[in-house]
Amino acid sequence: MSIPTVVSLRAKHRKLDRRRRGAARVITAMSRGASLHLAFTRHGSNFTLSNGIRVTPEVALLVVNDVRVVNVNDGLFPTAPQTWRYCEP
């Protein structure tokens, strides 16, 4: 196990900040009426907003775990939702 350096910690924090800023942008778009959709393709799963903006899986994970975002339960199985919407707390 190695000891983290200042440079490696800064890089790690920049990456986390980038994800948090992306999640904040997505949640803002969702508060204005957009919804988050999950689609499965032959290349894997794709998250997109209803206005066409692509969302990375890392950012989507932060978004769907936010308390202001609720699932619509429209997936093939009840435990696997494919659409999420913003809900006022």
N, C-alpha and C. Protein backbone atom coordinates (compact mmCIF):
# COMPACT_ATOMS: atom_id res chain seq x y z
N MET A 1 0.85 -1.18 0.00
CA MET A 1 0.00 0.00 0.00
C MET A 1 0.89 1.24 0.00
N SER A 2 0.57 2.18 -0.84
CA SER A 2 1.37 3.39 -0.92
C SER A 2 0.68 4.54 -0.18
N ILE A 3 1.48 5.48 0.20
CA ILE A 3 0.98 6.66 0.90
C ILE A 3 0.59 7.69 -0.15
N PRO A 4 -0.65 8.23 -0.09
CA PRO A 4 -1.05 9.22 -1.10
C PRO A 4 -0.22 10.49 -0.99
N THR A 5 0.15 11.01 -2.14
CA THR A 5 0.90 12.25 -2.18
C THR A 5 -0.06 13.41 -2.37
N VAL A 6 0.47 14.61 -2.25
CA VAL A 6 -0.34 15.81 -2.44
C VAL A 6 -0.88 15.85 -3.86
N VAL A 7 -0.06 15.50 -4.83
CA VAL A 7 -0.47 15.53 -6.23
C VAL A 7 -1.58 14.51 -6.50
N SER A 8 -1.43 13.30 -5.96
CA SER A 8 -2.45 12.28 -6.19
C SER A 8 -3.76 12.63 -5.50
N LEU A 9 -3.69 13.24 -4.33
CA LEU A 9 -4.90 13.66 -3.63
C LEU A 9 -5.61 14.78 -4.38
N ARG A 10 -4.84 15.72 -4.94
CA ARG A 10 -5.45 16.80 -5.73
C ARG A 10 -6.15 16.24 -6.95
N ALA A 11 -5.53 15.29 -7.62
CA ALA A 11 -6.13 14.67 -8.81
C ALA A 11 -7.42 13.95 -8.44
N LYS A 12 -7.39 13.25 -7.32
CA LYS A 12 -8.58 12.52 -6.86
C LYS A 12 -9.72 13.49 -6.54
N HIS A 13 -9.39 14.60 -5.87
CA HIS A 13 -10.40 15.58 -5.51
C HIS A 13 -10.95 16.31 -6.73
N ARG A 14 -10.09 16.58 -7.72
CA ARG A 14 -10.56 17.21 -8.96
C ARG A 14 -11.56 16.30 -9.67
N LYS A 15 -11.28 15.01 -9.69
CA LYS A 15 -12.18 14.05 -10.33
C LYS A 15 -13.53 14.01 -9.62
N LEU A 16 -13.51 13.98 -8.29
CA LEU A 16 -14.75 13.98 -7.52
C LEU A 16 -15.53 15.27 -7.70
N ASP A 17 -14.82 16.41 -7.72
CA ASP A 17 -15.48 17.70 -7.93
C ASP A 17 -16.14 17.76 -9.31
N ARG A 18 -15.46 17.20 -10.32
CA ARG A 18 -16.01 17.18 -11.68
C ARG A 18 -17.32 16.37 -11.71
N ARG A 19 -17.33 15.24 -11.02
CA ARG A 19 -18.55 14.42 -10.96
C ARG A 19 -19.67 15.16 -10.22
N ARG A 20 -19.33 15.81 -9.12
CA ARG A 20 -20.35 16.53 -8.34
C ARG A 20 -20.93 17.70 -9.14
N ARG A 21 -20.08 18.41 -9.89
CA ARG A 21 -20.57 19.51 -10.72
C ARG A 21 -21.49 18.97 -11.82
N GLY A 22 -21.12 17.83 -12.40
CA GLY A 22 -21.96 17.22 -13.42
C GLY A 22 -23.31 16.80 -12.86
N ALA A 23 -23.30 16.23 -11.67
CA ALA A 23 -24.55 15.83 -11.02
C ALA A 23 -25.42 17.05 -10.71
N ALA A 24 -24.80 18.13 -10.29
CA ALA A 24 -25.56 19.35 -10.01
C ALA A 24 -26.19 19.90 -11.28
N ARG A 25 -25.47 19.84 -12.41
CA ARG A 25 -26.03 20.31 -13.69
C ARG A 25 -27.21 19.44 -14.11
N VAL A 26 -27.09 18.13 -13.93
CA VAL A 26 -28.17 17.22 -14.31
C VAL A 26 -29.39 17.44 -13.43
N ILE A 27 -29.19 17.59 -12.13
CA ILE A 27 -30.31 17.82 -11.21
C ILE A 27 -30.98 19.15 -11.51
N THR A 28 -30.21 20.16 -11.88
CA THR A 28 -30.80 21.44 -12.26
C THR A 28 -31.66 21.29 -13.50
N ALA A 29 -31.16 20.55 -14.50
CA ALA A 29 -31.95 20.31 -15.71
C ALA A 29 -33.21 19.52 -15.38
N MET A 30 -33.10 18.57 -14.45
CA MET A 30 -34.27 17.79 -14.06
C MET A 30 -35.27 18.63 -13.29
N SER A 31 -34.80 19.59 -12.52
CA SER A 31 -35.73 20.47 -11.80
C SER A 31 -36.49 21.38 -12.75
N ARG A 32 -35.97 21.54 -13.96
CA ARG A 32 -36.63 22.37 -14.98
C ARG A 32 -37.51 21.53 -15.90
N GLY A 33 -37.70 20.24 -15.59
CA GLY A 33 -38.63 19.43 -16.35
C GLY A 33 -38.05 18.24 -17.08
N ALA A 34 -36.75 18.12 -17.19
CA ALA A 34 -36.16 16.98 -17.89
C ALA A 34 -36.22 15.74 -17.00
N SER A 35 -36.20 14.57 -17.62
CA SER A 35 -36.15 13.31 -16.87
C SER A 35 -34.93 12.53 -17.34
N LEU A 36 -34.44 11.67 -16.46
CA LEU A 36 -33.27 10.85 -16.76
C LEU A 36 -33.73 9.47 -17.20
N HIS A 37 -33.21 9.01 -18.35
CA HIS A 37 -33.60 7.73 -18.93
C HIS A 37 -32.40 6.81 -19.04
N LEU A 38 -32.62 5.55 -18.77
CA LEU A 38 -31.61 4.51 -18.93
C LEU A 38 -32.02 3.63 -20.10
N ALA A 39 -31.12 3.50 -21.08
CA ALA A 39 -31.38 2.63 -22.23
C ALA A 39 -30.24 1.64 -22.35
N PHE A 40 -30.58 0.42 -22.70
CA PHE A 40 -29.58 -0.62 -22.87
C PHE A 40 -29.32 -0.81 -24.35
N THR A 41 -28.04 -0.76 -24.74
CA THR A 41 -27.64 -0.97 -26.12
C THR A 41 -26.65 -2.12 -26.17
N ARG A 42 -26.22 -2.47 -27.34
CA ARG A 42 -25.25 -3.56 -27.45
C ARG A 42 -23.88 -3.17 -26.90
N HIS A 43 -23.66 -1.87 -26.71
CA HIS A 43 -22.39 -1.39 -26.16
C HIS A 43 -22.45 -1.17 -24.66
N GLY A 44 -23.59 -1.40 -24.05
CA GLY A 44 -23.75 -1.20 -22.62
C GLY A 44 -24.93 -0.30 -22.32
N SER A 45 -24.99 0.19 -21.13
CA SER A 45 -26.10 1.05 -20.73
C SER A 45 -25.76 2.52 -20.99
N ASN A 46 -26.78 3.27 -21.43
CA ASN A 46 -26.62 4.69 -21.73
C ASN A 46 -27.63 5.48 -20.93
N PHE A 47 -27.16 6.50 -20.24
CA PHE A 47 -28.03 7.41 -19.52
C PHE A 47 -28.14 8.69 -20.33
N THR A 48 -29.36 9.15 -20.57
CA THR A 48 -29.59 10.40 -21.27
C THR A 48 -30.72 11.16 -20.59
N LEU A 49 -30.66 12.48 -20.70
CA LEU A 49 -31.77 13.30 -20.25
C LEU A 49 -32.80 13.35 -21.37
N SER A 50 -34.01 13.69 -21.04
CA SER A 50 -35.07 13.74 -22.05
C SER A 50 -34.83 14.84 -23.09
N ASN A 51 -33.94 15.79 -22.80
CA ASN A 51 -33.61 16.81 -23.78
C ASN A 51 -32.43 16.41 -24.67
N GLY A 52 -31.94 15.15 -24.52
CA GLY A 52 -30.92 14.63 -25.41
C GLY A 52 -29.50 14.67 -24.89
N ILE A 53 -29.27 15.24 -23.74
CA ILE A 53 -27.92 15.35 -23.18
C ILE A 53 -27.51 14.00 -22.60
N ARG A 54 -26.32 13.53 -22.97
CA ARG A 54 -25.80 12.26 -22.47
C ARG A 54 -25.22 12.47 -21.07
N VAL A 55 -25.43 11.50 -20.19
CA VAL A 55 -24.94 11.56 -18.82
C VAL A 55 -24.06 10.34 -18.58
N THR A 56 -22.88 10.55 -18.01
CA THR A 56 -21.98 9.43 -17.74
C THR A 56 -22.55 8.56 -16.62
N PRO A 57 -22.21 7.28 -16.60
CA PRO A 57 -22.73 6.40 -15.54
C PRO A 57 -22.34 6.84 -14.13
N GLU A 58 -21.15 7.40 -13.98
CA GLU A 58 -20.71 7.86 -12.65
C GLU A 58 -21.58 9.00 -12.15
N VAL A 59 -21.89 9.96 -13.04
CA VAL A 59 -22.73 11.09 -12.67
C VAL A 59 -24.16 10.62 -12.44
N ALA A 60 -24.64 9.71 -13.29
CA ALA A 60 -26.00 9.19 -13.14
C ALA A 60 -26.18 8.48 -11.80
N LEU A 61 -25.15 7.79 -11.34
CA LEU A 61 -25.23 7.13 -10.04
C LEU A 61 -25.39 8.14 -8.92
N LEU A 62 -24.69 9.26 -9.01
CA LEU A 62 -24.86 10.31 -8.00
C LEU A 62 -26.26 10.91 -8.07
N VAL A 63 -26.77 11.07 -9.28
CA VAL A 63 -28.09 11.69 -9.46
C VAL A 63 -29.20 10.81 -8.91
N VAL A 64 -29.18 9.52 -9.25
CA VAL A 64 -30.29 8.65 -8.82
C VAL A 64 -30.25 8.40 -7.32
N ASN A 65 -29.13 8.65 -6.67
CA ASN A 65 -29.05 8.50 -5.22
C ASN A 65 -29.39 9.78 -4.48
N ASP A 66 -29.72 10.84 -5.20
CA ASP A 66 -30.12 12.10 -4.58
C ASP A 66 -31.55 11.96 -4.05
N VAL A 67 -31.83 12.58 -2.92
CA VAL A 67 -33.16 12.45 -2.30
C VAL A 67 -34.25 13.16 -3.10
N ARG A 68 -33.87 14.10 -3.95
CA ARG A 68 -34.86 14.85 -4.74
C ARG A 68 -35.25 14.15 -6.03
N VAL A 69 -34.59 13.04 -6.33
CA VAL A 69 -34.84 12.31 -7.57
C VAL A 69 -35.54 11.00 -7.23
N VAL A 70 -36.67 10.74 -7.89
CA VAL A 70 -37.44 9.52 -7.64
C VAL A 70 -37.58 8.73 -8.93
N ASN A 71 -37.69 7.40 -8.81
CA ASN A 71 -37.87 6.58 -10.00
C ASN A 71 -39.35 6.50 -10.35
N VAL A 72 -39.59 6.17 -11.61
CA VAL A 72 -40.96 6.11 -12.12
C VAL A 72 -41.48 4.68 -12.14
N ASN A 73 -40.62 3.70 -11.90
CA ASN A 73 -40.97 2.27 -11.91
C ASN A 73 -41.55 1.84 -13.25
N ASP A 74 -40.87 2.19 -14.33
CA ASP A 74 -41.35 1.82 -15.66
C ASP A 74 -40.47 0.75 -16.31
N GLY A 75 -39.59 0.14 -15.54
CA GLY A 75 -38.71 -0.87 -16.10
C GLY A 75 -39.42 -2.20 -16.31
N LEU A 76 -38.74 -3.13 -16.93
CA LEU A 76 -39.29 -4.46 -17.18
C LEU A 76 -39.60 -5.16 -15.85
N PHE A 77 -38.72 -4.97 -14.88
CA PHE A 77 -38.92 -5.54 -13.55
C PHE A 77 -39.11 -4.40 -12.55
N PRO A 78 -39.92 -4.59 -11.52
CA PRO A 78 -40.19 -3.50 -10.57
C PRO A 78 -38.94 -3.00 -9.83
N THR A 79 -37.95 -3.85 -9.69
CA THR A 79 -36.74 -3.44 -8.96
C THR A 79 -35.69 -2.81 -9.87
N ALA A 80 -36.00 -2.67 -11.16
CA ALA A 80 -35.03 -2.12 -12.11
C ALA A 80 -35.65 -0.95 -12.88
N PRO A 81 -35.74 0.23 -12.28
CA PRO A 81 -36.35 1.36 -12.98
C PRO A 81 -35.46 1.85 -14.12
N GLN A 82 -36.09 2.49 -15.11
CA GLN A 82 -35.36 3.03 -16.24
C GLN A 82 -35.60 4.51 -16.45
N THR A 83 -36.43 5.12 -15.62
CA THR A 83 -36.71 6.55 -15.73
C THR A 83 -36.74 7.15 -14.33
N TRP A 84 -36.12 8.33 -14.20
CA TRP A 84 -36.12 9.06 -12.93
C TRP A 84 -36.55 10.49 -13.19
N ARG A 85 -37.27 11.06 -12.24
CA ARG A 85 -37.75 12.45 -12.33
C ARG A 85 -37.40 13.21 -11.06
N TYR A 86 -37.41 14.51 -11.19
CA TYR A 86 -37.14 15.39 -10.05
C TYR A 86 -38.44 15.56 -9.27
N CYS A 87 -38.35 15.55 -7.97
CA CYS A 87 -39.50 15.74 -7.10
C CYS A 87 -39.13 16.77 -6.04
N GLU A 88 -39.96 17.78 -5.88
CA GLU A 88 -39.69 18.78 -4.85
C GLU A 88 -39.72 18.15 -3.48
N PRO A 89 -38.72 18.46 -2.64
CA PRO A 89 -38.71 17.89 -1.29
C PRO A 89 -39.78 18.46 -0.39
